[in-house]
Structure formats: C-alpha cells, structure tokens
N, C-alpha and C. Protein backbone atom coordinates (compact mmCIF):
# COMPACT_ATOMS: atom_id res chain seq x y z
N GLN A 1 -21.21 2.48 -2.38
CA GLN A 1 -20.15 2.99 -3.25
C GLN A 1 -18.81 2.46 -2.78
N VAL A 2 -18.11 1.83 -3.68
CA VAL A 2 -16.80 1.28 -3.36
C VAL A 2 -15.78 2.41 -3.25
N GLN A 3 -15.06 2.42 -2.15
CA GLN A 3 -14.10 3.49 -1.95
C GLN A 3 -12.91 3.00 -1.13
N LEU A 4 -11.72 3.43 -1.52
CA LEU A 4 -10.51 3.21 -0.75
C LEU A 4 -9.94 4.57 -0.40
N VAL A 5 -9.60 4.75 0.85
CA VAL A 5 -9.06 6.03 1.30
C VAL A 5 -7.75 5.80 2.03
N GLU A 6 -6.68 6.38 1.48
CA GLU A 6 -5.38 6.29 2.13
C GLU A 6 -5.21 7.47 3.08
N SER A 7 -4.44 7.24 4.11
CA SER A 7 -4.11 8.30 5.05
C SER A 7 -2.78 7.95 5.71
N GLY A 8 -2.24 8.92 6.43
CA GLY A 8 -1.02 8.67 7.19
C GLY A 8 0.24 9.23 6.57
N GLY A 9 0.13 9.78 5.38
CA GLY A 9 1.30 10.38 4.75
C GLY A 9 1.69 11.67 5.44
N GLY A 10 2.81 12.21 5.03
CA GLY A 10 3.26 13.47 5.60
C GLY A 10 4.70 13.76 5.27
N LEU A 11 5.22 14.78 5.93
CA LEU A 11 6.62 15.18 5.77
C LEU A 11 7.40 14.62 6.94
N VAL A 12 8.45 13.89 6.65
CA VAL A 12 9.24 13.26 7.70
C VAL A 12 10.71 13.33 7.32
N GLN A 13 11.56 13.38 8.33
CA GLN A 13 12.99 13.39 8.07
C GLN A 13 13.49 11.99 7.72
N ALA A 14 14.56 11.97 6.99
CA ALA A 14 15.19 10.69 6.66
C ALA A 14 15.48 9.91 7.94
N GLY A 15 15.20 8.62 7.89
CA GLY A 15 15.38 7.78 9.07
C GLY A 15 14.13 7.63 9.90
N GLY A 16 13.12 8.43 9.61
CA GLY A 16 11.88 8.40 10.36
C GLY A 16 10.96 7.28 9.90
N SER A 17 9.77 7.26 10.49
CA SER A 17 8.79 6.21 10.22
C SER A 17 7.42 6.81 9.98
N LEU A 18 6.63 6.07 9.26
CA LEU A 18 5.22 6.42 9.03
C LEU A 18 4.43 5.13 8.96
N ARG A 19 3.14 5.24 9.26
CA ARG A 19 2.24 4.14 9.01
C ARG A 19 1.11 4.65 8.13
N LEU A 20 1.05 4.09 6.95
CA LEU A 20 -0.02 4.43 6.02
C LEU A 20 -1.19 3.49 6.23
N SER A 21 -2.38 4.04 6.09
CA SER A 21 -3.60 3.24 6.22
C SER A 21 -4.38 3.29 4.92
N CYS A 22 -5.06 2.20 4.65
CA CYS A 22 -5.94 2.10 3.49
C CYS A 22 -7.26 1.56 4.00
N ALA A 23 -8.23 2.43 4.13
CA ALA A 23 -9.53 2.05 4.67
C ALA A 23 -10.54 1.90 3.54
N ALA A 24 -11.28 0.82 3.59
CA ALA A 24 -12.26 0.54 2.55
C ALA A 24 -13.68 0.80 3.05
N SER A 25 -14.51 1.24 2.14
CA SER A 25 -15.94 1.35 2.42
C SER A 25 -16.71 0.87 1.21
N GLY A 26 -17.88 0.34 1.45
CA GLY A 26 -18.70 -0.15 0.36
C GLY A 26 -18.38 -1.56 -0.07
N PHE A 27 -17.32 -2.14 0.46
CA PHE A 27 -16.97 -3.52 0.20
C PHE A 27 -15.98 -3.96 1.25
N SER A 28 -15.79 -5.26 1.35
CA SER A 28 -14.88 -5.81 2.35
C SER A 28 -13.52 -6.12 1.73
N LEU A 29 -12.47 -5.79 2.47
CA LEU A 29 -11.12 -6.14 2.03
C LEU A 29 -10.78 -7.59 2.35
N ASP A 30 -11.59 -8.21 3.18
CA ASP A 30 -11.32 -9.59 3.58
C ASP A 30 -11.35 -10.49 2.35
N TYR A 31 -10.39 -11.40 2.27
CA TYR A 31 -10.27 -12.35 1.17
C TYR A 31 -9.94 -11.71 -0.17
N ARG A 32 -9.48 -10.47 -0.14
CA ARG A 32 -9.04 -9.81 -1.38
C ARG A 32 -7.56 -9.48 -1.29
N SER A 33 -6.88 -9.61 -2.40
CA SER A 33 -5.49 -9.15 -2.46
C SER A 33 -5.47 -7.63 -2.49
N ILE A 34 -4.51 -7.08 -1.74
CA ILE A 34 -4.35 -5.63 -1.64
C ILE A 34 -2.91 -5.28 -1.98
N GLY A 35 -2.74 -4.24 -2.74
CA GLY A 35 -1.40 -3.79 -3.10
C GLY A 35 -1.17 -2.35 -2.71
N TRP A 36 0.07 -2.05 -2.43
CA TRP A 36 0.51 -0.67 -2.23
C TRP A 36 1.46 -0.30 -3.37
N PHE A 37 1.21 0.88 -3.94
CA PHE A 37 2.01 1.38 -5.04
C PHE A 37 2.47 2.79 -4.70
N ARG A 38 3.47 3.24 -5.41
CA ARG A 38 3.90 4.62 -5.24
C ARG A 38 4.32 5.19 -6.58
N GLN A 39 4.20 6.49 -6.68
CA GLN A 39 4.63 7.18 -7.89
C GLN A 39 5.29 8.49 -7.51
N ALA A 40 6.55 8.59 -7.87
CA ALA A 40 7.31 9.81 -7.64
C ALA A 40 7.20 10.68 -8.88
N PRO A 41 7.40 11.98 -8.73
CA PRO A 41 7.32 12.88 -9.89
C PRO A 41 8.27 12.45 -11.00
N GLY A 42 7.75 12.35 -12.19
CA GLY A 42 8.56 12.01 -13.34
C GLY A 42 8.93 10.54 -13.44
N LYS A 43 8.38 9.73 -12.54
CA LYS A 43 8.71 8.30 -12.57
C LYS A 43 7.45 7.47 -12.77
N GLU A 44 7.64 6.24 -13.19
CA GLU A 44 6.52 5.34 -13.37
C GLU A 44 6.04 4.83 -12.01
N ARG A 45 4.78 4.44 -11.99
CA ARG A 45 4.23 3.84 -10.78
C ARG A 45 4.96 2.54 -10.45
N GLU A 46 5.23 2.36 -9.17
CA GLU A 46 5.99 1.19 -8.72
C GLU A 46 5.16 0.43 -7.68
N GLY A 47 5.05 -0.86 -7.85
CA GLY A 47 4.42 -1.70 -6.85
C GLY A 47 5.42 -1.98 -5.74
N VAL A 48 5.12 -1.58 -4.53
CA VAL A 48 6.09 -1.74 -3.45
C VAL A 48 5.77 -2.92 -2.54
N SER A 49 4.49 -3.26 -2.40
CA SER A 49 4.13 -4.35 -1.50
C SER A 49 2.72 -4.81 -1.80
N CYS A 50 2.45 -6.06 -1.45
CA CYS A 50 1.08 -6.54 -1.55
C CYS A 50 0.88 -7.69 -0.57
N ILE A 51 -0.38 -7.99 -0.31
CA ILE A 51 -0.73 -9.08 0.59
C ILE A 51 -1.87 -9.84 -0.05
N SER A 52 -1.77 -11.16 -0.04
CA SER A 52 -2.77 -11.97 -0.73
C SER A 52 -4.04 -12.07 0.09
N GLY A 53 -5.09 -12.57 -0.57
CA GLY A 53 -6.42 -12.50 0.01
C GLY A 53 -6.67 -13.37 1.21
N SER A 54 -6.20 -14.61 1.17
CA SER A 54 -6.56 -15.54 2.24
C SER A 54 -5.39 -15.97 3.10
N ASP A 55 -4.28 -16.33 2.47
CA ASP A 55 -3.19 -16.90 3.25
C ASP A 55 -2.21 -15.86 3.76
N GLY A 56 -2.43 -14.59 3.39
CA GLY A 56 -1.60 -13.53 3.94
C GLY A 56 -0.17 -13.49 3.44
N ILE A 57 0.08 -14.18 2.35
CA ILE A 57 1.43 -14.12 1.79
C ILE A 57 1.70 -12.71 1.29
N THR A 58 2.90 -12.23 1.58
CA THR A 58 3.25 -10.86 1.24
C THR A 58 4.37 -10.81 0.22
N TYR A 59 4.46 -9.67 -0.40
CA TYR A 59 5.52 -9.39 -1.37
C TYR A 59 6.06 -7.99 -1.08
N TYR A 60 7.36 -7.85 -1.25
CA TYR A 60 7.99 -6.53 -1.13
C TYR A 60 8.97 -6.32 -2.29
N ALA A 61 8.95 -5.14 -2.85
CA ALA A 61 9.96 -4.79 -3.84
C ALA A 61 11.32 -4.75 -3.17
N ASP A 62 12.35 -5.04 -3.93
CA ASP A 62 13.70 -5.05 -3.36
C ASP A 62 14.06 -3.71 -2.73
N SER A 63 13.55 -2.64 -3.30
CA SER A 63 13.89 -1.31 -2.82
C SER A 63 13.34 -1.00 -1.43
N VAL A 64 12.37 -1.80 -0.97
CA VAL A 64 11.75 -1.52 0.32
C VAL A 64 11.86 -2.69 1.29
N LYS A 65 12.39 -3.80 0.83
CA LYS A 65 12.45 -4.99 1.66
C LYS A 65 13.24 -4.71 2.94
N GLY A 66 12.67 -5.14 4.05
CA GLY A 66 13.31 -4.92 5.34
C GLY A 66 12.92 -3.61 5.99
N ARG A 67 12.28 -2.72 5.24
CA ARG A 67 11.88 -1.43 5.80
C ARG A 67 10.36 -1.24 5.80
N PHE A 68 9.67 -1.89 4.88
CA PHE A 68 8.22 -1.76 4.77
C PHE A 68 7.58 -3.06 5.27
N THR A 69 6.46 -2.91 5.94
CA THR A 69 5.69 -4.06 6.39
C THR A 69 4.22 -3.82 6.09
N ILE A 70 3.62 -4.76 5.36
CA ILE A 70 2.21 -4.67 5.05
C ILE A 70 1.44 -5.58 6.00
N SER A 71 0.27 -5.11 6.42
CA SER A 71 -0.56 -5.92 7.30
C SER A 71 -2.02 -5.55 7.06
N ARG A 72 -2.89 -6.39 7.57
CA ARG A 72 -4.31 -6.11 7.39
C ARG A 72 -5.05 -6.35 8.69
N ASP A 73 -6.08 -5.56 8.90
CA ASP A 73 -6.98 -5.72 10.04
C ASP A 73 -8.37 -5.84 9.45
N ASN A 74 -8.83 -7.05 9.28
CA ASN A 74 -10.11 -7.26 8.63
C ASN A 74 -11.27 -6.71 9.45
N ALA A 75 -11.11 -6.71 10.76
CA ALA A 75 -12.18 -6.16 11.60
C ALA A 75 -12.38 -4.67 11.35
N LYS A 76 -11.29 -3.98 11.00
CA LYS A 76 -11.37 -2.55 10.71
C LYS A 76 -11.46 -2.27 9.21
N ASN A 77 -11.45 -3.36 8.43
CA ASN A 77 -11.52 -3.22 6.97
C ASN A 77 -10.42 -2.28 6.46
N THR A 78 -9.23 -2.49 6.98
CA THR A 78 -8.12 -1.60 6.71
C THR A 78 -6.84 -2.40 6.48
N VAL A 79 -6.04 -1.92 5.56
CA VAL A 79 -4.71 -2.48 5.33
C VAL A 79 -3.70 -1.38 5.64
N TYR A 80 -2.59 -1.78 6.23
CA TYR A 80 -1.57 -0.83 6.65
C TYR A 80 -0.26 -1.07 5.90
N LEU A 81 0.51 -0.01 5.81
CA LEU A 81 1.88 -0.12 5.32
C LEU A 81 2.76 0.63 6.31
N GLN A 82 3.47 -0.14 7.13
CA GLN A 82 4.40 0.45 8.09
C GLN A 82 5.72 0.70 7.38
N ILE A 83 6.19 1.91 7.45
CA ILE A 83 7.43 2.28 6.77
C ILE A 83 8.42 2.79 7.81
N LYS A 84 9.59 2.23 7.84
CA LYS A 84 10.63 2.70 8.74
C LYS A 84 11.90 3.01 7.93
N SER A 85 12.84 3.65 8.61
CA SER A 85 14.11 4.01 7.97
C SER A 85 13.87 4.69 6.63
N LEU A 86 12.99 5.68 6.64
CA LEU A 86 12.63 6.36 5.40
C LEU A 86 13.84 7.04 4.77
N LYS A 87 13.84 7.02 3.44
CA LYS A 87 14.90 7.63 2.64
C LYS A 87 14.29 8.69 1.73
N PRO A 88 15.07 9.67 1.32
CA PRO A 88 14.52 10.68 0.40
C PRO A 88 13.94 10.06 -0.86
N GLU A 89 14.50 8.96 -1.30
CA GLU A 89 13.98 8.32 -2.52
C GLU A 89 12.65 7.61 -2.29
N ASP A 90 12.16 7.57 -1.07
CA ASP A 90 10.82 7.06 -0.80
C ASP A 90 9.75 8.11 -1.04
N THR A 91 10.17 9.34 -1.29
CA THR A 91 9.21 10.41 -1.55
C THR A 91 8.37 10.09 -2.77
N ALA A 92 7.05 10.09 -2.58
CA ALA A 92 6.12 9.72 -3.64
C ALA A 92 4.70 9.86 -3.12
N VAL A 93 3.76 9.75 -4.04
CA VAL A 93 2.37 9.55 -3.65
C VAL A 93 2.15 8.05 -3.55
N TYR A 94 1.62 7.63 -2.44
CA TYR A 94 1.39 6.22 -2.18
C TYR A 94 -0.10 5.91 -2.35
N TYR A 95 -0.35 4.84 -3.09
CA TYR A 95 -1.71 4.41 -3.39
C TYR A 95 -1.92 2.98 -2.91
N CYS A 96 -3.13 2.70 -2.44
CA CYS A 96 -3.49 1.31 -2.22
C CYS A 96 -4.50 0.91 -3.30
N ALA A 97 -4.56 -0.38 -3.53
CA ALA A 97 -5.44 -0.91 -4.56
C ALA A 97 -5.95 -2.27 -4.12
N ALA A 98 -7.15 -2.60 -4.54
CA ALA A 98 -7.77 -3.87 -4.15
C ALA A 98 -8.22 -4.65 -5.38
N ASP A 99 -8.03 -5.95 -5.30
CA ASP A 99 -8.50 -6.87 -6.33
C ASP A 99 -9.98 -7.15 -6.05
N LYS A 100 -10.81 -7.09 -7.06
CA LYS A 100 -12.23 -7.32 -6.83
C LYS A 100 -12.54 -8.80 -6.59
N ARG A 101 -11.61 -9.68 -6.94
CA ARG A 101 -11.85 -11.11 -6.76
C ARG A 101 -11.70 -11.49 -5.30
N LEU A 102 -12.54 -12.42 -4.88
CA LEU A 102 -12.44 -12.97 -3.54
C LEU A 102 -11.77 -14.33 -3.61
N GLY A 103 -10.87 -14.59 -2.68
CA GLY A 103 -10.25 -15.90 -2.66
C GLY A 103 -8.76 -15.80 -2.52
N ASN A 104 -8.14 -16.94 -2.58
CA ASN A 104 -6.70 -17.03 -2.31
C ASN A 104 -5.90 -16.84 -3.59
N TYR A 105 -6.07 -15.71 -4.23
CA TYR A 105 -5.26 -15.41 -5.39
C TYR A 105 -3.95 -14.79 -4.94
N PRO A 106 -2.87 -15.12 -5.59
CA PRO A 106 -1.60 -14.48 -5.24
C PRO A 106 -1.70 -12.98 -5.49
N CYS A 107 -1.11 -12.22 -4.61
CA CYS A 107 -1.13 -10.77 -4.85
C CYS A 107 -0.06 -10.44 -5.89
N SER A 108 -0.15 -9.24 -6.40
CA SER A 108 0.73 -8.85 -7.51
C SER A 108 1.19 -7.42 -7.33
N ALA A 109 2.37 -7.13 -7.83
CA ALA A 109 2.88 -5.75 -7.86
C ALA A 109 2.57 -5.09 -9.19
N TYR A 110 1.74 -5.74 -9.98
CA TYR A 110 1.37 -5.23 -11.30
C TYR A 110 0.05 -4.47 -11.19
N GLY A 111 0.07 -3.20 -11.47
CA GLY A 111 -1.08 -2.35 -11.26
C GLY A 111 -2.37 -2.81 -11.89
N PRO A 112 -2.35 -3.22 -13.16
CA PRO A 112 -3.61 -3.64 -13.81
C PRO A 112 -4.26 -4.86 -13.17
N SER A 113 -3.59 -5.51 -12.23
CA SER A 113 -4.20 -6.64 -11.52
C SER A 113 -5.29 -6.18 -10.56
N TYR A 114 -5.34 -4.89 -10.29
CA TYR A 114 -6.25 -4.35 -9.29
C TYR A 114 -7.36 -3.54 -9.92
N ASP A 115 -8.50 -3.58 -9.23
CA ASP A 115 -9.71 -2.97 -9.78
C ASP A 115 -10.11 -1.69 -9.07
N TYR A 116 -9.79 -1.58 -7.82
CA TYR A 116 -10.20 -0.42 -7.04
C TYR A 116 -8.95 0.30 -6.52
N TRP A 117 -8.96 1.61 -6.62
CA TRP A 117 -7.80 2.41 -6.24
C TRP A 117 -8.23 3.55 -5.33
N GLY A 118 -7.33 3.89 -4.42
CA GLY A 118 -7.55 5.08 -3.61
C GLY A 118 -6.99 6.31 -4.30
N GLN A 119 -7.13 7.44 -3.64
CA GLN A 119 -6.72 8.72 -4.24
C GLN A 119 -5.26 9.04 -3.95
N GLY A 120 -4.67 8.31 -3.03
CA GLY A 120 -3.26 8.49 -2.74
C GLY A 120 -3.00 9.37 -1.53
N THR A 121 -1.85 9.17 -0.92
CA THR A 121 -1.39 10.01 0.19
C THR A 121 0.08 10.34 -0.05
N GLN A 122 0.42 11.60 0.15
CA GLN A 122 1.78 12.06 -0.16
C GLN A 122 2.73 11.75 0.98
N VAL A 123 3.84 11.17 0.64
CA VAL A 123 4.93 10.96 1.59
C VAL A 123 6.14 11.75 1.09
N THR A 124 6.65 12.62 1.92
CA THR A 124 7.80 13.43 1.56
C THR A 124 8.87 13.23 2.62
N VAL A 125 10.04 12.81 2.19
CA VAL A 125 11.14 12.55 3.11
C VAL A 125 12.23 13.56 2.86
N SER A 126 12.58 14.33 3.87
CA SER A 126 13.63 15.33 3.75
C SER A 126 14.96 14.74 4.21
N SER A 127 16.01 15.20 3.56
CA SER A 127 17.35 14.67 3.89
C SER A 127 18.00 15.49 5.00
C-alpha cells in the first residue's frame, strides 16, 4: 500500500525552527519528484518547495526562500523540510506529495503534478 506520512509539525514561537519529515512506505521516493505544500485556513493550497527526482534540483516559493530547505534521504525513504525563522504566516497544514513517475523530471509547485499525498501535519506559529 502506497503511503506518505508527514510528521514534525507542532506549535512554535515566531523565529523558531521545525523539521518536517515525509516518510514513504509501499514505494520508493528515490528518483521521484517530491513536493511540499501548505494550506492555511481560508486560503488556497500553496506549493512551497520541491525536489526533482534524480538531479536534486530544488524549488522554493518566494515566501519561503532562504528559510526553508528541502532534502532527501533515500536510504530512509524520507524527504525533509527544514524550516527556520518561522513566521505566524507560516501557520498551515503542511503536506508532502510524490510524483509516481521515475526519472529526472523537473519538480513542480503545481499540486496536480503529484499522484500520492500524505495526510498533512499542522504547523502553528505564535507571535
């Protein structure tokens, strides 16, 4: 059974840091593009970062550039999103998603590009 499970969210003060994890089971994340998305209450889902399948090229939304870092550990079948200098506007449910295609496809911040989704992890930043 294909499954993505996010973890690492929580309540943190502004300026703090978190590391979100996206662990896969039932399939390998290796050679697949992975994206991180977030959705705040009353707002549309936003693609914040992604990493391509083979060459590791990354993308960051302007709103998170310099504060978020995406990485992957293929041995652990896990992708991470390191978040620092958290702001109240980062409060959202964070989701990871995986492209079912294998290979060096460019990653995308467009949700429909992904086939598998996790259930999300809540990040709440207090001011």
